[in-house]
Amino acid sequence: MLIRTETPADLNAVREVTTAAFANTEVPEPVETTLLDALRDCPDWLPALSLVAIDPQDGGRPVGHVVCTRGRVAGQPALGLGPLSVHPDHQGRGVGQALMHAVLGAADALGEPLVALLGSPAYYGRFGFQPSTEHGVTAPDPTWVDFFQVRTLTAHRPTLTGEFRYAAPFENL
């Protein structure tokens, strides 16, 4: 499997992967798909942190995608992760794990201080995510407290505390 930055030629395939990953019989287009579209049109979009997983045995098309966009902790730069999508035909094969390791490594190499996300502590804990409150970071929504997590990176400073804010499109969910 190859993990690389997304290119313009990948957009339709990434959209298909995201839609398939979050498919719901009640909603034809998952919120994650429309969120991804809105994030791409947002000034907080970071092309270097939009990564695809390519399975050469599957025609070289993307089978997974992850993105980090600019977020802020008390007005200071940080990253918000999501969505993370893996096509259902490729789930359980380590695609999501490879994407997570790659995006965290890329974010660290770019000098980012931390990555925040809303998700399962059991899943994301394996990548070093911890409850945000352990680092003095509060969730944008207080009801998220059990699922809002951060992963500090090399450039993290303990003084980076306060409320986390995602890129604007997250506010419209």
C-alpha atoms as a PDB file:
ATOM      1  CA  MET A   1       0.000   0.000   0.000  1.00  0.00           C
ATOM      2  CA  LEU A   2       1.167   3.513  -0.800  1.00  0.00           C
ATOM      3  CA  ILE A   3       0.221   6.567   1.242  1.00  0.00           C
ATOM      4  CA  ARG A   4       0.615   9.857  -0.622  1.00  0.00           C
ATOM      5  CA  THR A   5      -0.832  13.347  -0.784  1.00  0.00           C
ATOM      6  CA  GLU A   6      -4.136  13.718  -2.549  1.00  0.00           C
ATOM      7  CA  THR A   7      -4.038  15.079  -6.101  1.00  0.00           C
ATOM      8  CA  PRO A   8      -6.840  16.768  -8.071  1.00  0.00           C
ATOM      9  CA  ALA A   9      -7.277  13.518 -10.012  1.00  0.00           C
ATOM     10  CA  ASP A  10      -8.197  11.769  -6.724  1.00  0.00           C
ATOM     11  CA  LEU A  11     -11.149  14.002  -5.780  1.00  0.00           C
ATOM     12  CA  ASN A  12     -13.954  11.855  -7.198  1.00  0.00           C
ATOM     13  CA  ALA A  13     -12.456   8.629  -5.850  1.00  0.00           C
ATOM     14  CA  VAL A  14     -11.947  10.180  -2.396  1.00  0.00           C
ATOM     15  CA  ARG A  15     -15.556  11.361  -2.437  1.00  0.00           C
ATOM     16  CA  GLU A  16     -16.677   7.811  -3.341  1.00  0.00           C
ATOM     17  CA  VAL A  17     -14.527   6.284  -0.571  1.00  0.00           C
ATOM     18  CA  THR A  18     -15.894   8.720   2.011  1.00  0.00           C
ATOM     19  CA  THR A  19     -19.492   8.158   0.926  1.00  0.00           C
ATOM     20  CA  ALA A  20     -19.068   4.360   0.998  1.00  0.00           C
ATOM     21  CA  ALA A  21     -17.300   4.427   4.374  1.00  0.00           C
ATOM     22  CA  PHE A  22     -20.085   6.401   6.035  1.00  0.00           C
ATOM     23  CA  ALA A  23     -23.032   5.054   4.031  1.00  0.00           C
ATOM     24  CA  ASN A  24     -26.361   5.163   5.784  1.00  0.00           C
ATOM     25  CA  THR A  25     -29.631   3.937   4.352  1.00  0.00           C
ATOM     26  CA  GLU A  26     -31.442   6.973   5.781  1.00  0.00           C
ATOM     27  CA  VAL A  27     -29.164   9.611   4.237  1.00  0.00           C
ATOM     28  CA  PRO A  28     -28.030   9.280   0.608  1.00  0.00           C
ATOM     29  CA  GLU A  29     -24.992  11.521   1.121  1.00  0.00           C
ATOM     30  CA  PRO A  30     -23.288  11.247   4.511  1.00  0.00           C
ATOM     31  CA  VAL A  31     -22.426  14.416   6.394  1.00  0.00           C
ATOM     32  CA  GLU A  32     -18.754  13.431   6.176  1.00  0.00           C
ATOM     33  CA  THR A  33     -18.888  13.738   2.378  1.00  0.00           C
ATOM     34  CA  THR A  34     -20.426  17.197   2.419  1.00  0.00           C
ATOM     35  CA  LEU A  35     -18.019  18.207   5.204  1.00  0.00           C
ATOM     36  CA  LEU A  36     -15.052  17.150   3.084  1.00  0.00           C
ATOM     37  CA  ASP A  37     -16.379  19.187   0.132  1.00  0.00           C
ATOM     38  CA  ALA A  38     -16.785  22.254   2.360  1.00  0.00           C
ATOM     39  CA  LEU A  39     -13.336  21.819   3.913  1.00  0.00           C
ATOM     40  CA  ARG A  40     -11.699  21.825   0.477  1.00  0.00           C
ATOM     41  CA  ASP A  41     -13.230  25.267  -0.163  1.00  0.00           C
ATOM     42  CA  CYS A  42     -12.113  26.620   3.218  1.00  0.00           C
ATOM     43  CA  PRO A  43      -8.970  28.687   3.910  1.00  0.00           C
ATOM     44  CA  ASP A  44      -8.091  26.174   6.657  1.00  0.00           C
ATOM     45  CA  TRP A  45      -7.586  23.370   4.100  1.00  0.00           C
ATOM     46  CA  LEU A  46      -4.014  22.038   4.257  1.00  0.00           C
ATOM     47  CA  PRO A  47      -3.207  20.129   1.023  1.00  0.00           C
ATOM     48  CA  ALA A  48      -0.052  18.589   2.518  1.00  0.00           C
ATOM     49  CA  LEU A  49      -2.230  16.868   5.148  1.00  0.00           C
ATOM     50  CA  SER A  50      -4.835  15.400   2.815  1.00  0.00           C
ATOM     51  CA  LEU A  51      -3.562  11.868   2.259  1.00  0.00           C
ATOM     52  CA  VAL A  52      -4.824   8.905   0.270  1.00  0.00           C
ATOM     53  CA  ALA A  53      -4.097   5.201   0.585  1.00  0.00           C
ATOM     54  CA  ILE A  54      -3.510   3.502  -2.748  1.00  0.00           C
ATOM     55  CA  ASP A  55      -3.757  -0.253  -3.138  1.00  0.00           C
ATOM     56  CA  PRO A  56      -1.753  -1.183  -6.259  1.00  0.00           C
ATOM     57  CA  GLN A  57      -3.726  -4.425  -6.485  1.00  0.00           C
ATOM     58  CA  ASP A  58      -6.940  -2.407  -6.742  1.00  0.00           C
ATOM     59  CA  GLY A  59      -6.116  -0.504  -9.918  1.00  0.00           C
ATOM     60  CA  GLY A  60      -4.199   2.254  -8.168  1.00  0.00           C
ATOM     61  CA  ARG A  61      -7.349   4.056  -7.026  1.00  0.00           C
ATOM     62  CA  PRO A  62      -7.644   5.507  -3.526  1.00  0.00           C
ATOM     63  CA  VAL A  63      -9.126   3.070  -1.015  1.00  0.00           C
ATOM     64  CA  GLY A  64      -8.724   5.357   1.995  1.00  0.00           C
ATOM     65  CA  HIS A  65      -8.361   9.013   2.887  1.00  0.00           C
ATOM     66  CA  VAL A  66      -7.531  11.156   5.893  1.00  0.00           C
ATOM     67  CA  VAL A  67      -7.286  14.906   6.313  1.00  0.00           C
ATOM     68  CA  CYS A  68      -6.142  17.378   8.928  1.00  0.00           C
ATOM     69  CA  THR A  69      -7.277  20.971   8.647  1.00  0.00           C
ATOM     70  CA  ARG A  70      -6.239  24.043  10.535  1.00  0.00           C
ATOM     71  CA  GLY A  71      -7.805  24.232  13.946  1.00  0.00           C
ATOM     72  CA  ARG A  72      -6.965  26.446  16.869  1.00  0.00           C
ATOM     73  CA  VAL A  73      -6.498  26.154  20.605  1.00  0.00           C
ATOM     74  CA  ALA A  74      -7.277  29.504  22.230  1.00  0.00           C
ATOM     75  CA  GLY A  75      -6.483  31.148  18.881  1.00  0.00           C
ATOM     76  CA  GLN A  76      -3.138  29.353  18.452  1.00  0.00           C
ATOM     77  CA  PRO A  77      -2.565  27.006  15.468  1.00  0.00           C
ATOM     78  CA  ALA A  78      -3.339  23.325  15.924  1.00  0.00           C
ATOM     79  CA  LEU A  79      -4.901  20.627  13.735  1.00  0.00           C
ATOM     80  CA  GLY A  80      -8.303  18.986  13.567  1.00  0.00           C
ATOM     81  CA  LEU A  81      -8.327  15.468  12.137  1.00  0.00           C
ATOM     82  CA  GLY A  82     -11.184  14.108  10.122  1.00  0.00           C
ATOM     83  CA  PRO A  83     -12.806  12.620   8.383  1.00  0.00           C
ATOM     84  CA  LEU A  84     -10.823   9.383   8.185  1.00  0.00           C
ATOM     85  CA  SER A  85     -12.381   7.105   5.569  1.00  0.00           C
ATOM     86  CA  VAL A  86     -11.630   3.589   4.383  1.00  0.00           C
ATOM     87  CA  HIS A  87     -13.712   1.916   1.687  1.00  0.00           C
ATOM     88  CA  PRO A  88     -15.698  -0.957   3.256  1.00  0.00           C
ATOM     89  CA  ASP A  89     -14.013  -3.478   0.919  1.00  0.00           C
ATOM     90  CA  HIS A  90     -10.661  -2.548   2.486  1.00  0.00           C
ATOM     91  CA  GLN A  91     -11.592  -2.121   6.140  1.00  0.00           C
ATOM     92  CA  GLY A  92      -9.815  -4.367   8.618  1.00  0.00           C
ATOM     93  CA  ARG A  93      -6.668  -4.524   6.476  1.00  0.00           C
ATOM     94  CA  GLY A  94      -4.618  -1.816   8.191  1.00  0.00           C
ATOM     95  CA  VAL A  95      -5.501   0.999   5.778  1.00  0.00           C
ATOM     96  CA  GLY A  96      -6.815   3.286   8.509  1.00  0.00           C
ATOM     97  CA  GLN A  97      -3.811   2.535  10.690  1.00  0.00           C
ATOM     98  CA  ALA A  98      -1.402   3.348   7.850  1.00  0.00           C
ATOM     99  CA  LEU A  99      -3.234   6.610   7.120  1.00  0.00           C
ATOM    100  CA  MET A 100      -3.160   7.628  10.791  1.00  0.00           C
ATOM    101  CA  HIS A 101       0.568   6.961  11.146  1.00  0.00           C
ATOM    102  CA  ALA A 102       1.291   8.852   7.917  1.00  0.00           C
ATOM    103  CA  VAL A 103      -0.794  11.933   8.745  1.00  0.00           C
ATOM    104  CA  LEU A 104       0.585  12.151  12.284  1.00  0.00           C
ATOM    105  CA  GLY A 105       4.140  11.819  10.957  1.00  0.00           C
ATOM    106  CA  ALA A 106       3.495  14.482   8.316  1.00  0.00           C
ATOM    107  CA  ALA A 107       1.940  16.843  10.870  1.00  0.00           C
ATOM    108  CA  ASP A 108       4.910  16.369  13.180  1.00  0.00           C
ATOM    109  CA  ALA A 109       7.372  16.979  10.329  1.00  0.00           C
ATOM    110  CA  LEU A 110       5.533  20.227   9.520  1.00  0.00           C
ATOM    111  CA  GLY A 111       6.054  21.428  13.098  1.00  0.00           C
ATOM    112  CA  GLU A 112       2.428  21.246  14.205  1.00  0.00           C
ATOM    113  CA  PRO A 113       1.916  21.138  17.987  1.00  0.00           C
ATOM    114  CA  LEU A 114      -1.100  18.859  18.327  1.00  0.00           C
ATOM    115  CA  VAL A 115      -3.896  17.056  16.530  1.00  0.00           C
ATOM    116  CA  ALA A 116      -7.440  16.957  17.937  1.00  0.00           C
ATOM    117  CA  LEU A 117     -10.319  14.698  16.986  1.00  0.00           C
ATOM    118  CA  LEU A 118     -13.702  13.442  18.030  1.00  0.00           C
ATOM    119  CA  GLY A 119     -13.761   9.650  18.015  1.00  0.00           C
ATOM    120  CA  SER A 120     -13.516   6.353  19.795  1.00  0.00           C
ATOM    121  CA  PRO A 121     -10.915   6.364  22.588  1.00  0.00           C
ATOM    122  CA  ALA A 122     -10.471   2.605  22.119  1.00  0.00           C
ATOM    123  CA  TYR A 123      -9.507   3.067  18.456  1.00  0.00           C
ATOM    124  CA  TYR A 124      -7.560   6.333  18.550  1.00  0.00           C
ATOM    125  CA  GLY A 125      -5.780   5.589  21.831  1.00  0.00           C
ATOM    126  CA  ARG A 126      -3.487   3.201  19.951  1.00  0.00           C
ATOM    127  CA  PHE A 127      -2.118   6.233  18.065  1.00  0.00           C
ATOM    128  CA  GLY A 128      -1.284   8.151  21.233  1.00  0.00           C
ATOM    129  CA  PHE A 129      -4.505  10.159  21.493  1.00  0.00           C
ATOM    130  CA  GLN A 130      -5.526  11.021  25.036  1.00  0.00           C
ATOM    131  CA  PRO A 131      -8.516  12.787  26.556  1.00  0.00           C
ATOM    132  CA  SER A 132      -8.086  16.451  25.638  1.00  0.00           C
ATOM    133  CA  THR A 133      -8.581  17.534  29.242  1.00  0.00           C
ATOM    134  CA  GLU A 134      -5.301  15.817  30.174  1.00  0.00           C
ATOM    135  CA  HIS A 135      -3.577  18.527  28.124  1.00  0.00           C
ATOM    136  CA  GLY A 136      -5.763  21.448  29.159  1.00  0.00           C
ATOM    137  CA  VAL A 137      -7.685  21.492  25.880  1.00  0.00           C
ATOM    138  CA  THR A 138     -11.460  21.729  26.026  1.00  0.00           C
ATOM    139  CA  ALA A 139     -13.850  20.398  23.415  1.00  0.00           C
ATOM    140  CA  PRO A 140     -15.885  22.784  21.265  1.00  0.00           C
ATOM    141  CA  ASP A 141     -18.987  21.059  22.629  1.00  0.00           C
ATOM    142  CA  PRO A 142     -19.025  20.041  26.323  1.00  0.00           C
ATOM    143  CA  THR A 143     -21.072  16.912  25.536  1.00  0.00           C
ATOM    144  CA  TRP A 144     -18.054  15.528  23.627  1.00  0.00           C
ATOM    145  CA  VAL A 145     -15.846  15.294  26.711  1.00  0.00           C
ATOM    146  CA  ASP A 146     -15.600  11.471  26.662  1.00  0.00           C
ATOM    147  CA  PHE A 147     -14.698  11.325  22.960  1.00  0.00           C
ATOM    148  CA  PHE A 148     -12.704  14.496  22.294  1.00  0.00           C
ATOM    149  CA  GLN A 149      -9.003  13.662  22.230  1.00  0.00           C
ATOM    150  CA  VAL A 150      -5.656  15.174  21.365  1.00  0.00           C
ATOM    151  CA  ARG A 151      -2.319  13.802  20.261  1.00  0.00           C
ATOM    152  CA  THR A 152       0.585  16.055  21.134  1.00  0.00           C
ATOM    153  CA  LEU A 153       3.478  16.269  18.691  1.00  0.00           C
ATOM    154  CA  THR A 154       7.123  17.291  19.024  1.00  0.00           C
ATOM    155  CA  ALA A 155       6.400  21.041  18.747  1.00  0.00           C
ATOM    156  CA  HIS A 156       3.785  20.916  21.515  1.00  0.00           C
ATOM    157  CA  ARG A 157       4.159  23.385  24.376  1.00  0.00           C
ATOM    158  CA  PRO A 158       2.412  22.741  27.700  1.00  0.00           C
ATOM    159  CA  THR A 159       1.159  26.353  27.627  1.00  0.00           C
ATOM    160  CA  LEU A 160      -1.030  25.526  24.608  1.00  0.00           C
ATOM    161  CA  THR A 161      -4.300  25.234  26.505  1.00  0.00           C
ATOM    162  CA  GLY A 162      -7.865  26.405  26.094  1.00  0.00           C
ATOM    163  CA  GLU A 163     -10.841  25.735  23.877  1.00  0.00           C
ATOM    164  CA  PHE A 164     -10.261  23.919  20.589  1.00  0.00           C
ATOM    165  CA  ARG A 165     -11.971  25.242  17.473  1.00  0.00           C
ATOM    166  CA  TYR A 166     -12.238  23.259  14.238  1.00  0.00           C
ATOM    167  CA  ALA A 167     -12.139  24.805  10.753  1.00  0.00           C
ATOM    168  CA  ALA A 168     -15.347  26.724  10.012  1.00  0.00           C
ATOM    169  CA  PRO A 169     -17.153  23.955   8.055  1.00  0.00           C
ATOM    170  CA  PHE A 170     -17.242  21.820  11.207  1.00  0.00           C
ATOM    171  CA  GLU A 171     -19.307  24.558  12.862  1.00  0.00           C
ATOM    172  CA  ASN A 172     -22.054  24.042  10.260  1.00  0.00           C
ATOM    173  CA  LEU A 173     -22.655  20.353  11.030  1.00  0.00           C
END
